[in-house]
């Protein structure tokens, strides 16, 4: 084995002579090893970038570049292997990794934009009848989602992409597809719809609570319920007794079987004595 081979060949075994004799399955397995190590190194670079001085990492910075230098592989060679296995170039590998935190950033950005939107146009979507809340929700979701689209203004779309670390909207859209398997427009629409739904749910709860409070203020308090007096009852001797009077419990002693048997014998003796005396 040549000791001067670059690190990526020592790691994967993709030597010039050996690669020619590999089966497609063997070559794919070696490429998986290479791409996994590239992504591991690129993620470490992304973690390091979070602690770098502000503005040092521009929108054109690519975490895969450091991985290529460490492994001694050119971006062209890495792109060839990656496109063979995954259909991605080296540049798109870095964009996919950078998009891993895109959804949380989009949620924060859209929530802030929705707050500004409601401060300006909130009166247009005022709700006073809880039965109309769903109509207002559909209208608000439609208008706000249309506001977030960048179909006509390319410059605004590119500025939007730069806010998330991508040089243009094309690369941001492709990174979104690679990372989430959905388009950027669909992701934005889903996030915006969730924010609008939470907003209308809070409005509905507020309307219900206000209606209950108003009903409670207008409705007189009910009079306390009183139980009817219990009818007078009489016992077997004709003496009246009251059902509402507290019951006086009488303590009844508990006798064992032996004590009961002894008392029965004594009672039988007394009865015999009484008969003899008569």
C-alpha atoms as a PDB file:
ATOM      1  CA  UNK A   1       0.000   0.000   0.000  1.00  0.00           C
ATOM      2  CA  UNK A   2       1.296   3.445  -0.925  1.00  0.00           C
ATOM      3  CA  UNK A   3       1.827   5.520   2.220  1.00  0.00           C
ATOM      4  CA  UNK A   4       1.431   8.740   0.198  1.00  0.00           C
ATOM      5  CA  UNK A   5      -2.216   8.083  -0.613  1.00  0.00           C
ATOM      6  CA  UNK A   6      -4.653  10.762   0.610  1.00  0.00           C
ATOM      7  CA  UNK A   7      -6.653  10.119   3.751  1.00  0.00           C
ATOM      8  CA  UNK A   8      -9.961   9.563   1.978  1.00  0.00           C
ATOM      9  CA  UNK A   9      -8.517   6.636   0.023  1.00  0.00           C
ATOM     10  CA  UNK A  10      -6.994   5.094   3.143  1.00  0.00           C
ATOM     11  CA  UNK A  11     -10.367   5.452   4.866  1.00  0.00           C
ATOM     12  CA  UNK A  12     -12.491   3.959   2.097  1.00  0.00           C
ATOM     13  CA  UNK A  13     -10.168   1.685   0.158  1.00  0.00           C
ATOM     14  CA  UNK A  14     -11.105   3.395  -3.109  1.00  0.00           C
ATOM     15  CA  UNK A  15      -7.621   2.988  -4.586  1.00  0.00           C
ATOM     16  CA  UNK A  16      -7.226   3.530  -8.330  1.00  0.00           C
ATOM     17  CA  UNK A  17      -6.411  -0.125  -9.009  1.00  0.00           C
ATOM     18  CA  UNK A  18      -8.836  -1.629  -6.482  1.00  0.00           C
ATOM     19  CA  UNK A  19     -11.805   0.516  -7.540  1.00  0.00           C
ATOM     20  CA  UNK A  20     -11.687  -0.872 -11.077  1.00  0.00           C
ATOM     21  CA  UNK A  21     -12.244  -4.411  -9.774  1.00  0.00           C
ATOM     22  CA  UNK A  22     -15.073  -3.579  -7.360  1.00  0.00           C
ATOM     23  CA  UNK A  23     -18.679  -4.545  -7.953  1.00  0.00           C
ATOM     24  CA  UNK A  24     -21.283  -1.732  -7.968  1.00  0.00           C
ATOM     25  CA  UNK A  25     -22.462  -2.778  -4.490  1.00  0.00           C
ATOM     26  CA  UNK A  26     -18.921  -2.716  -3.089  1.00  0.00           C
ATOM     27  CA  UNK A  27     -18.257   0.717  -4.615  1.00  0.00           C
ATOM     28  CA  UNK A  28     -21.524   2.071  -3.188  1.00  0.00           C
ATOM     29  CA  UNK A  29     -20.573   0.847   0.278  1.00  0.00           C
ATOM     30  CA  UNK A  30     -17.187   2.584   0.062  1.00  0.00           C
ATOM     31  CA  UNK A  31     -18.852   5.805  -1.109  1.00  0.00           C
ATOM     32  CA  UNK A  32     -21.244   5.654   1.865  1.00  0.00           C
ATOM     33  CA  UNK A  33     -18.265   5.526   4.200  1.00  0.00           C
ATOM     34  CA  UNK A  34     -16.729   8.542   2.481  1.00  0.00           C
ATOM     35  CA  UNK A  35     -19.911  10.639   2.537  1.00  0.00           C
ATOM     36  CA  UNK A  36     -20.634   9.775   6.169  1.00  0.00           C
ATOM     37  CA  UNK A  37     -17.178  10.986   7.191  1.00  0.00           C
ATOM     38  CA  UNK A  38     -17.543  14.153   5.088  1.00  0.00           C
ATOM     39  CA  UNK A  39     -20.862  14.969   6.742  1.00  0.00           C
ATOM     40  CA  UNK A  40     -19.437  14.291  10.213  1.00  0.00           C
ATOM     41  CA  UNK A  41     -16.574  16.710   9.606  1.00  0.00           C
ATOM     42  CA  UNK A  42     -18.907  19.294   8.046  1.00  0.00           C
ATOM     43  CA  UNK A  43     -21.210  19.206  11.092  1.00  0.00           C
ATOM     44  CA  UNK A  44     -18.206  19.856  13.333  1.00  0.00           C
ATOM     45  CA  UNK A  45     -17.416  22.889  11.183  1.00  0.00           C
ATOM     46  CA  UNK A  46     -20.998  24.112  11.565  1.00  0.00           C
ATOM     47  CA  UNK A  47     -20.706  23.801  15.345  1.00  0.00           C
ATOM     48  CA  UNK A  48     -17.461  25.755  15.252  1.00  0.00           C
ATOM     49  CA  UNK A  49     -19.061  28.435  13.096  1.00  0.00           C
ATOM     50  CA  UNK A  50     -21.589  29.156  15.842  1.00  0.00           C
ATOM     51  CA  UNK A  51     -18.735  30.414  18.048  1.00  0.00           C
ATOM     52  CA  UNK A  52     -16.892  32.409  15.387  1.00  0.00           C
ATOM     53  CA  UNK A  53     -16.944  36.242  15.373  1.00  0.00           C
ATOM     54  CA  UNK A  54     -20.079  37.757  13.887  1.00  0.00           C
ATOM     55  CA  UNK A  55     -19.838  38.274  10.139  1.00  0.00           C
ATOM     56  CA  UNK A  56     -16.831  36.002   9.655  1.00  0.00           C
ATOM     57  CA  UNK A  57     -18.875  33.271   7.950  1.00  0.00           C
ATOM     58  CA  UNK A  58     -20.430  34.781   4.843  1.00  0.00           C
ATOM     59  CA  UNK A  59     -23.396  33.343   2.927  1.00  0.00           C
ATOM     60  CA  UNK A  60     -20.882  31.750   0.524  1.00  0.00           C
ATOM     61  CA  UNK A  61     -19.136  29.788   3.292  1.00  0.00           C
ATOM     62  CA  UNK A  62     -19.394  26.017   2.830  1.00  0.00           C
ATOM     63  CA  UNK A  63     -18.653  23.600   5.718  1.00  0.00           C
ATOM     64  CA  UNK A  64     -17.769  20.832   3.228  1.00  0.00           C
ATOM     65  CA  UNK A  65     -14.672  22.745   2.100  1.00  0.00           C
ATOM     66  CA  UNK A  66     -12.829  22.038   5.367  1.00  0.00           C
ATOM     67  CA  UNK A  67     -13.791  18.347   5.165  1.00  0.00           C
ATOM     68  CA  UNK A  68     -12.373  18.128   1.626  1.00  0.00           C
ATOM     69  CA  UNK A  69      -9.104  19.701   2.723  1.00  0.00           C
ATOM     70  CA  UNK A  70      -8.763  17.407   5.750  1.00  0.00           C
ATOM     71  CA  UNK A  71      -9.430  14.275   3.691  1.00  0.00           C
ATOM     72  CA  UNK A  72      -7.368  15.402   0.728  1.00  0.00           C
ATOM     73  CA  UNK A  73     -10.174  14.989  -1.813  1.00  0.00           C
ATOM     74  CA  UNK A  74     -11.154  17.544  -4.426  1.00  0.00           C
ATOM     75  CA  UNK A  75     -14.687  18.916  -4.561  1.00  0.00           C
ATOM     76  CA  UNK A  76     -14.985  17.653  -8.137  1.00  0.00           C
ATOM     77  CA  UNK A  77     -14.113  14.089  -7.070  1.00  0.00           C
ATOM     78  CA  UNK A  78     -16.419  14.282  -4.063  1.00  0.00           C
ATOM     79  CA  UNK A  79     -19.238  15.596  -6.254  1.00  0.00           C
ATOM     80  CA  UNK A  80     -18.723  12.715  -8.695  1.00  0.00           C
ATOM     81  CA  UNK A  81     -19.044  10.123  -5.929  1.00  0.00           C
ATOM     82  CA  UNK A  82     -21.982  11.917  -4.281  1.00  0.00           C
ATOM     83  CA  UNK A  83     -23.904  12.365  -7.516  1.00  0.00           C
ATOM     84  CA  UNK A  84     -23.405   8.685  -8.317  1.00  0.00           C
ATOM     85  CA  UNK A  85     -24.944   7.603  -4.998  1.00  0.00           C
ATOM     86  CA  UNK A  86     -27.304  10.453  -3.995  1.00  0.00           C
ATOM     87  CA  UNK A  87     -27.605  12.848  -6.899  1.00  0.00           C
ATOM     88  CA  UNK A  88     -26.082  15.727  -4.880  1.00  0.00           C
ATOM     89  CA  UNK A  89     -23.012  17.789  -5.586  1.00  0.00           C
ATOM     90  CA  UNK A  90     -20.533  18.725  -2.861  1.00  0.00           C
ATOM     91  CA  UNK A  91     -22.071  22.194  -2.662  1.00  0.00           C
ATOM     92  CA  UNK A  92     -25.524  20.720  -2.083  1.00  0.00           C
ATOM     93  CA  UNK A  93     -24.226  18.497   0.724  1.00  0.00           C
ATOM     94  CA  UNK A  94     -23.196  21.622   2.603  1.00  0.00           C
ATOM     95  CA  UNK A  95     -26.490  23.386   1.861  1.00  0.00           C
ATOM     96  CA  UNK A  96     -28.479  20.412   3.142  1.00  0.00           C
ATOM     97  CA  UNK A  97     -26.548  20.427   6.418  1.00  0.00           C
ATOM     98  CA  UNK A  98     -26.963  24.187   6.773  1.00  0.00           C
ATOM     99  CA  UNK A  99     -30.725  23.767   6.298  1.00  0.00           C
ATOM    100  CA  UNK A 100     -30.999  21.402   9.293  1.00  0.00           C
ATOM    101  CA  UNK A 101     -31.932  24.345  11.561  1.00  0.00           C
ATOM    102  CA  UNK A 102     -33.946  26.151   8.895  1.00  0.00           C
ATOM    103  CA  UNK A 103     -37.402  25.224  10.207  1.00  0.00           C
ATOM    104  CA  UNK A 104     -36.873  26.670  13.698  1.00  0.00           C
ATOM    105  CA  UNK A 105     -35.433  29.861  12.181  1.00  0.00           C
ATOM    106  CA  UNK A 106     -38.372  30.129   9.785  1.00  0.00           C
ATOM    107  CA  UNK A 107     -40.863  29.685  12.630  1.00  0.00           C
ATOM    108  CA  UNK A 108     -39.273  32.540  14.598  1.00  0.00           C
ATOM    109  CA  UNK A 109     -39.090  34.795  11.524  1.00  0.00           C
ATOM    110  CA  UNK A 110     -42.685  34.129  10.419  1.00  0.00           C
ATOM    111  CA  UNK A 111     -44.030  34.566  13.966  1.00  0.00           C
ATOM    112  CA  UNK A 112     -42.356  37.997  14.158  1.00  0.00           C
ATOM    113  CA  UNK A 113     -43.692  38.937  10.717  1.00  0.00           C
ATOM    114  CA  UNK A 114     -47.197  37.813  11.720  1.00  0.00           C
ATOM    115  CA  UNK A 115     -47.046  40.046  14.797  1.00  0.00           C
ATOM    116  CA  UNK A 116     -46.197  43.054  12.611  1.00  0.00           C
ATOM    117  CA  UNK A 117     -48.906  42.042  10.127  1.00  0.00           C
ATOM    118  CA  UNK A 118     -51.583  41.992  12.846  1.00  0.00           C
ATOM    119  CA  UNK A 119     -50.437  45.317  14.279  1.00  0.00           C
ATOM    120  CA  UNK A 120     -51.047  46.948  10.890  1.00  0.00           C
ATOM    121  CA  UNK A 121     -54.018  44.976   9.523  1.00  0.00           C
ATOM    122  CA  UNK A 122     -55.465  43.329  12.623  1.00  0.00           C
ATOM    123  CA  UNK A 123     -58.682  45.374  12.521  1.00  0.00           C
ATOM    124  CA  UNK A 124     -59.491  43.780   9.161  1.00  0.00           C
ATOM    125  CA  UNK A 125     -59.686  40.367  10.842  1.00  0.00           C
ATOM    126  CA  UNK A 126     -61.579  41.354  13.989  1.00  0.00           C
ATOM    127  CA  UNK A 127     -63.859  38.628  15.359  1.00  0.00           C
ATOM    128  CA  UNK A 128     -66.888  39.275  17.547  1.00  0.00           C
ATOM    129  CA  UNK A 129     -69.023  36.237  16.773  1.00  0.00           C
ATOM    130  CA  UNK A 130     -67.499  32.849  17.732  1.00  0.00           C
ATOM    131  CA  UNK A 131     -69.534  31.223  14.953  1.00  0.00           C
ATOM    132  CA  UNK A 132     -67.568  33.228  12.331  1.00  0.00           C
ATOM    133  CA  UNK A 133     -64.121  32.340  13.678  1.00  0.00           C
ATOM    134  CA  UNK A 134     -63.406  29.715  11.009  1.00  0.00           C
ATOM    135  CA  UNK A 135     -64.257  32.107   8.165  1.00  0.00           C
ATOM    136  CA  UNK A 136     -61.847  34.681   9.568  1.00  0.00           C
ATOM    137  CA  UNK A 137     -59.184  31.990  10.038  1.00  0.00           C
ATOM    138  CA  UNK A 138     -59.404  30.909   6.377  1.00  0.00           C
ATOM    139  CA  UNK A 139     -59.220  34.494   5.147  1.00  0.00           C
ATOM    140  CA  UNK A 140     -56.298  35.388   7.420  1.00  0.00           C
ATOM    141  CA  UNK A 141     -54.379  32.230   6.499  1.00  0.00           C
ATOM    142  CA  UNK A 142     -54.898  32.873   2.783  1.00  0.00           C
ATOM    143  CA  UNK A 143     -53.843  36.535   2.931  1.00  0.00           C
ATOM    144  CA  UNK A 144     -50.851  35.987   5.203  1.00  0.00           C
ATOM    145  CA  UNK A 145     -49.536  33.034   3.165  1.00  0.00           C
ATOM    146  CA  UNK A 146     -49.839  35.113  -0.034  1.00  0.00           C
ATOM    147  CA  UNK A 147     -47.906  37.896   1.694  1.00  0.00           C
ATOM    148  CA  UNK A 148     -44.999  35.505   2.340  1.00  0.00           C
ATOM    149  CA  UNK A 149     -44.563  34.422  -1.300  1.00  0.00           C
ATOM    150  CA  UNK A 150     -41.707  35.769  -3.437  1.00  0.00           C
ATOM    151  CA  UNK A 151     -42.868  34.968  -6.956  1.00  0.00           C
ATOM    152  CA  UNK A 152     -42.700  38.481  -8.395  1.00  0.00           C
ATOM    153  CA  UNK A 153     -39.865  40.163  -6.476  1.00  0.00           C
ATOM    154  CA  UNK A 154     -36.628  38.247  -7.066  1.00  0.00           C
ATOM    155  CA  UNK A 155     -34.545  40.751  -5.142  1.00  0.00           C
ATOM    156  CA  UNK A 156     -36.722  40.402  -2.035  1.00  0.00           C
ATOM    157  CA  UNK A 157     -36.515  36.624  -2.353  1.00  0.00           C
ATOM    158  CA  UNK A 158     -32.693  36.715  -2.431  1.00  0.00           C
ATOM    159  CA  UNK A 159     -32.579  39.023   0.589  1.00  0.00           C
ATOM    160  CA  UNK A 160     -34.877  36.576   2.368  1.00  0.00           C
ATOM    161  CA  UNK A 161     -32.480  33.700   1.553  1.00  0.00           C
ATOM    162  CA  UNK A 162     -29.488  35.687   2.854  1.00  0.00           C
ATOM    163  CA  UNK A 163     -31.202  36.049   6.229  1.00  0.00           C
ATOM    164  CA  UNK A 164     -30.879  32.274   6.586  1.00  0.00           C
ATOM    165  CA  UNK A 165     -27.278  31.922   5.352  1.00  0.00           C
ATOM    166  CA  UNK A 166     -27.847  31.178   1.651  1.00  0.00           C
ATOM    167  CA  UNK A 167     -26.579  33.421  -1.177  1.00  0.00           C
ATOM    168  CA  UNK A 168     -29.763  33.212  -3.264  1.00  0.00           C
ATOM    169  CA  UNK A 169     -33.306  31.853  -3.230  1.00  0.00           C
ATOM    170  CA  UNK A 170     -32.482  29.042  -5.669  1.00  0.00           C
ATOM    171  CA  UNK A 171     -30.014  27.394  -3.317  1.00  0.00           C
ATOM    172  CA  UNK A 172     -32.356  27.899  -0.367  1.00  0.00           C
ATOM    173  CA  UNK A 173     -35.217  26.200  -2.226  1.00  0.00           C
ATOM    174  CA  UNK A 174     -33.023  23.263  -3.229  1.00  0.00           C
ATOM    175  CA  UNK A 175     -31.647  22.900   0.311  1.00  0.00           C
ATOM    176  CA  UNK A 176     -35.199  22.836   1.665  1.00  0.00           C
ATOM    177  CA  UNK A 177     -36.128  19.991  -0.685  1.00  0.00           C
ATOM    178  CA  UNK A 178     -32.998  18.029   0.265  1.00  0.00           C
ATOM    179  CA  UNK A 179     -33.430  18.532   4.027  1.00  0.00           C
ATOM    180  CA  UNK A 180     -37.231  18.242   4.416  1.00  0.00           C
ATOM    181  CA  UNK A 181     -38.386  16.588   1.163  1.00  0.00           C
ATOM    182  CA  UNK A 182     -40.814  19.438   0.573  1.00  0.00           C
ATOM    183  CA  UNK A 183     -40.684  22.804  -1.146  1.00  0.00           C
ATOM    184  CA  UNK A 184     -39.910  26.054   0.620  1.00  0.00           C
ATOM    185  CA  UNK A 185     -43.360  27.432  -0.225  1.00  0.00           C
ATOM    186  CA  UNK A 186     -45.073  24.405   1.320  1.00  0.00           C
ATOM    187  CA  UNK A 187     -42.937  24.658   4.460  1.00  0.00           C
ATOM    188  CA  UNK A 188     -43.683  28.377   4.828  1.00  0.00           C
ATOM    189  CA  UNK A 189     -47.411  27.801   4.222  1.00  0.00           C
ATOM    190  CA  UNK A 190     -47.546  25.050   6.867  1.00  0.00           C
ATOM    191  CA  UNK A 191     -45.760  27.187   9.457  1.00  0.00           C
ATOM    192  CA  UNK A 192     -47.939  30.225   8.673  1.00  0.00           C
ATOM    193  CA  UNK A 193     -51.144  28.135   8.891  1.00  0.00           C
ATOM    194  CA  UNK A 194     -50.099  26.775  12.303  1.00  0.00           C
ATOM    195  CA  UNK A 195     -49.414  30.293  13.590  1.00  0.00           C
ATOM    196  CA  UNK A 196     -52.782  31.563  12.314  1.00  0.00           C
ATOM    197  CA  UNK A 197     -54.567  28.554  13.822  1.00  0.00           C
ATOM    198  CA  UNK A 198     -53.003  29.173  17.250  1.00  0.00           C
ATOM    199  CA  UNK A 199     -53.956  32.848  16.994  1.00  0.00           C
ATOM    200  CA  UNK A 200     -57.604  32.118  16.182  1.00  0.00           C
ATOM    201  CA  UNK A 201     -57.802  29.483  18.913  1.00  0.00           C
ATOM    202  CA  UNK A 202     -56.695  32.091  21.458  1.00  0.00           C
ATOM    203  CA  UNK A 203     -59.242  34.559  20.075  1.00  0.00           C
ATOM    204  CA  UNK A 204     -61.996  31.933  20.305  1.00  0.00           C
ATOM    205  CA  UNK A 205     -61.130  31.154  23.929  1.00  0.00           C
ATOM    206  CA  UNK A 206     -61.135  34.865  24.740  1.00  0.00           C
ATOM    207  CA  UNK A 207     -64.584  35.301  23.127  1.00  0.00           C
ATOM    208  CA  UNK A 208     -66.020  32.333  25.022  1.00  0.00           C
ATOM    209  CA  UNK A 209     -64.652  33.579  28.351  1.00  0.00           C
ATOM    210  CA  UNK A 210     -66.006  37.087  27.682  1.00  0.00           C
ATOM    211  CA  UNK A 211     -69.438  35.687  26.807  1.00  0.00           C
ATOM    212  CA  UNK A 212     -69.531  33.605  29.992  1.00  0.00           C
ATOM    213  CA  UNK A 213     -68.491  36.592  32.095  1.00  0.00           C
ATOM    214  CA  UNK A 214     -71.210  38.784  30.532  1.00  0.00           C
ATOM    215  CA  UNK A 215     -73.840  36.102  31.056  1.00  0.00           C
ATOM    216  CA  UNK A 216     -72.805  35.731  34.674  1.00  0.00           C
ATOM    217  CA  UNK A 217     -73.083  39.486  35.284  1.00  0.00           C
ATOM    218  CA  UNK A 218     -76.568  39.740  33.724  1.00  0.00           C
ATOM    219  CA  UNK A 219     -78.133  36.582  35.164  1.00  0.00           C
ATOM    220  CA  UNK A 220     -79.455  36.953  38.790  1.00  0.00           C
ATOM    221  CA  UNK A 221     -78.088  34.568  41.311  1.00  0.00           C
ATOM    222  CA  UNK A 222     -80.513  31.677  42.005  1.00  0.00           C
ATOM    223  CA  UNK A 223     -82.137  31.486  45.416  1.00  0.00           C
ATOM    224  CA  UNK A 224     -80.678  28.828  47.687  1.00  0.00           C
ATOM    225  CA  UNK A 225     -82.624  25.610  47.461  1.00  0.00           C
ATOM    226  CA  UNK A 226     -84.485  24.577  50.632  1.00  0.00           C
ATOM    227  CA  UNK A 227     -85.559  21.078  51.455  1.00  0.00           C
ATOM    228  CA  UNK A 228     -89.235  20.529  52.383  1.00  0.00           C
ATOM    229  CA  UNK A 229     -89.995  19.770  55.995  1.00  0.00           C
ATOM    230  CA  UNK A 230     -90.311  16.080  56.779  1.00  0.00           C
ATOM    231  CA  UNK A 231     -93.893  14.935  57.502  1.00  0.00           C
ATOM    232  CA  UNK A 232     -94.748  13.983  61.063  1.00  0.00           C
ATOM    233  CA  UNK A 233     -94.567  10.229  61.636  1.00  0.00           C
ATOM    234  CA  UNK A 234     -95.685   8.069  64.563  1.00  0.00           C
ATOM    235  CA  UNK A 235     -94.267   4.892  65.980  1.00  0.00           C
ATOM    236  CA  UNK A 236     -96.226   1.787  67.010  1.00  0.00           C
ATOM    237  CA  UNK A 237     -97.210   3.340  70.376  1.00  0.00           C
ATOM    238  CA  UNK A 238     -98.640   6.461  68.679  1.00  0.00           C
ATOM    239  CA  UNK A 239     -95.774   8.724  69.734  1.00  0.00           C
ATOM    240  CA  UNK A 240     -94.724  11.235  67.072  1.00  0.00           C
ATOM    241  CA  UNK A 241     -91.105  11.419  66.021  1.00  0.00           C
ATOM    242  CA  UNK A 242     -89.201  13.759  63.733  1.00  0.00           C
ATOM    243  CA  UNK A 243     -87.120  12.489  60.791  1.00  0.00           C
ATOM    244  CA  UNK A 244     -84.944  15.631  60.866  1.00  0.00           C
ATOM    245  CA  UNK A 245     -83.916  14.997  64.460  1.00  0.00           C
ATOM    246  CA  UNK A 246     -80.383  13.590  64.787  1.00  0.00           C
ATOM    247  CA  UNK A 247     -80.319   9.857  65.270  1.00  0.00           C
ATOM    248  CA  UNK A 248     -79.122   8.636  68.659  1.00  0.00           C
ATOM    249  CA  UNK A 249     -77.144   5.492  68.143  1.00  0.00           C
ATOM    250  CA  UNK A 250     -77.292   2.840  70.870  1.00  0.00           C
ATOM    251  CA  UNK A 251     -74.198   0.828  71.572  1.00  0.00           C
ATOM    252  CA  UNK A 252     -74.916  -2.878  71.221  1.00  0.00           C
ATOM    253  CA  UNK A 253     -72.302  -5.098  72.876  1.00  0.00           C
ATOM    254  CA  UNK A 254     -70.839  -7.946  70.880  1.00  0.00           C
ATOM    255  CA  UNK A 255     -70.996 -11.453  72.398  1.00  0.00           C
ATOM    256  CA  UNK A 256     -69.014 -14.457  71.388  1.00  0.00           C
ATOM    257  CA  UNK A 257     -70.652 -17.778  70.534  1.00  0.00           C
ATOM    258  CA  UNK A 258     -69.652 -19.264  73.911  1.00  0.00           C
ATOM    259  CA  UNK A 259     -71.216 -16.344  75.802  1.00  0.00           C
ATOM    260  CA  UNK A 260     -74.438 -16.622  73.824  1.00  0.00           C
ATOM    261  CA  UNK A 261     -74.607 -20.371  74.527  1.00  0.00           C
ATOM    262  CA  UNK A 262     -74.058 -19.732  78.261  1.00  0.00           C
ATOM    263  CA  UNK A 263     -76.832 -17.089  78.353  1.00  0.00           C
ATOM    264  CA  UNK A 264     -79.239 -19.495  76.615  1.00  0.00           C
ATOM    265  CA  UNK A 265     -78.551 -22.191  79.244  1.00  0.00           C
ATOM    266  CA  UNK A 266     -79.147 -19.728  82.098  1.00  0.00           C
ATOM    267  CA  UNK A 267     -82.402 -18.617  80.514  1.00  0.00           C
ATOM    268  CA  UNK A 268     -83.505 -22.246  80.172  1.00  0.00           C
ATOM    269  CA  UNK A 269     -82.723 -22.886  83.882  1.00  0.00           C
ATOM    270  CA  UNK A 270     -84.792 -19.836  84.928  1.00  0.00           C
ATOM    271  CA  UNK A 271     -87.724 -21.039  82.858  1.00  0.00           C
ATOM    272  CA  UNK A 272     -87.602 -24.517  84.464  1.00  0.00           C
ATOM    273  CA  UNK A 273     -87.460 -23.018  87.946  1.00  0.00           C
ATOM    274  CA  UNK A 274     -90.489 -20.891  87.160  1.00  0.00           C
ATOM    275  CA  UNK A 275     -92.455 -23.908  85.957  1.00  0.00           C
ATOM    276  CA  UNK A 276     -91.549 -25.946  89.092  1.00  0.00           C
ATOM    277  CA  UNK A 277     -92.521 -23.094  91.364  1.00  0.00           C
ATOM    278  CA  UNK A 278     -95.912 -22.914  89.693  1.00  0.00           C
END
